[in-house]
Amino acid sequence: MGPLVSKAQEEKVLGYIDFGKKAGFKVALDGGKLSGGIYDKATS
């Protein structure tokens, strides 16, 4: 989990996570968006 500097960066990170999931990779620790700001959940 960590802060991101912009909405654009957040969308890019979430896109990478989604791409990996679609390619068959398993996200170790959930991944995804947290509420209340521009934060993403940890992936490993």
Protein backbone atom coordinates (compact mmCIF):
# COMPACT_ATOMS: atom_id res chain seq x y z
CA MET A 1 0.00 0.00 0.00
CA GLY A 2 1.20 3.45 -0.68
CA PRO A 3 0.30 6.95 -1.73
CA LEU A 4 0.32 7.90 -5.39
CA VAL A 5 1.08 11.39 -6.65
CA SER A 6 -1.84 11.75 -9.03
CA LYS A 7 -5.03 10.18 -10.32
CA ALA A 8 -3.21 9.41 -13.59
CA GLN A 9 -0.51 7.46 -11.72
CA GLU A 10 -3.19 5.57 -9.79
CA GLU A 11 -4.96 4.59 -13.02
CA LYS A 12 -1.65 3.42 -14.50
CA VAL A 13 -0.85 1.24 -11.46
CA LEU A 14 -4.36 -0.24 -11.40
CA GLY A 15 -4.01 -0.93 -15.13
CA TYR A 16 -0.80 -2.90 -14.52
CA ILE A 17 -2.52 -4.94 -11.81
CA ASP A 18 -5.49 -5.64 -14.10
CA PHE A 19 -3.16 -6.58 -16.97
CA GLY A 20 -1.32 -9.06 -14.77
CA LYS A 21 -4.55 -10.64 -13.56
CA LYS A 22 -5.81 -11.03 -17.14
CA ALA A 23 -2.46 -12.60 -18.11
CA GLY A 24 -2.99 -15.24 -15.44
CA PHE A 25 -0.80 -13.90 -12.66
CA LYS A 26 -2.01 -14.13 -9.08
CA VAL A 27 -1.95 -11.02 -6.90
CA ALA A 28 -0.47 -12.11 -3.56
CA LEU A 29 -2.18 -9.55 -1.30
CA ASP A 30 -5.37 -8.32 -2.98
CA GLY A 31 -4.30 -5.19 -4.87
CA GLY A 32 -6.85 -2.59 -5.82
CA LYS A 33 -8.03 0.80 -4.70
CA LEU A 34 -8.46 2.07 -1.16
CA SER A 35 -11.10 4.67 -0.37
CA GLY A 36 -10.35 8.14 0.95
CA GLY A 37 -7.63 9.36 -1.38
CA ILE A 38 -5.22 8.18 -4.02
CA TYR A 39 -3.94 5.01 -2.38
CA ASP A 40 -3.60 1.47 -3.69
CA LYS A 41 -3.58 -1.74 -1.68
CA ALA A 42 -0.41 -3.79 -1.47
CA THR A 43 0.09 -6.50 -4.11
CA SER A 44 2.97 -8.41 -2.52
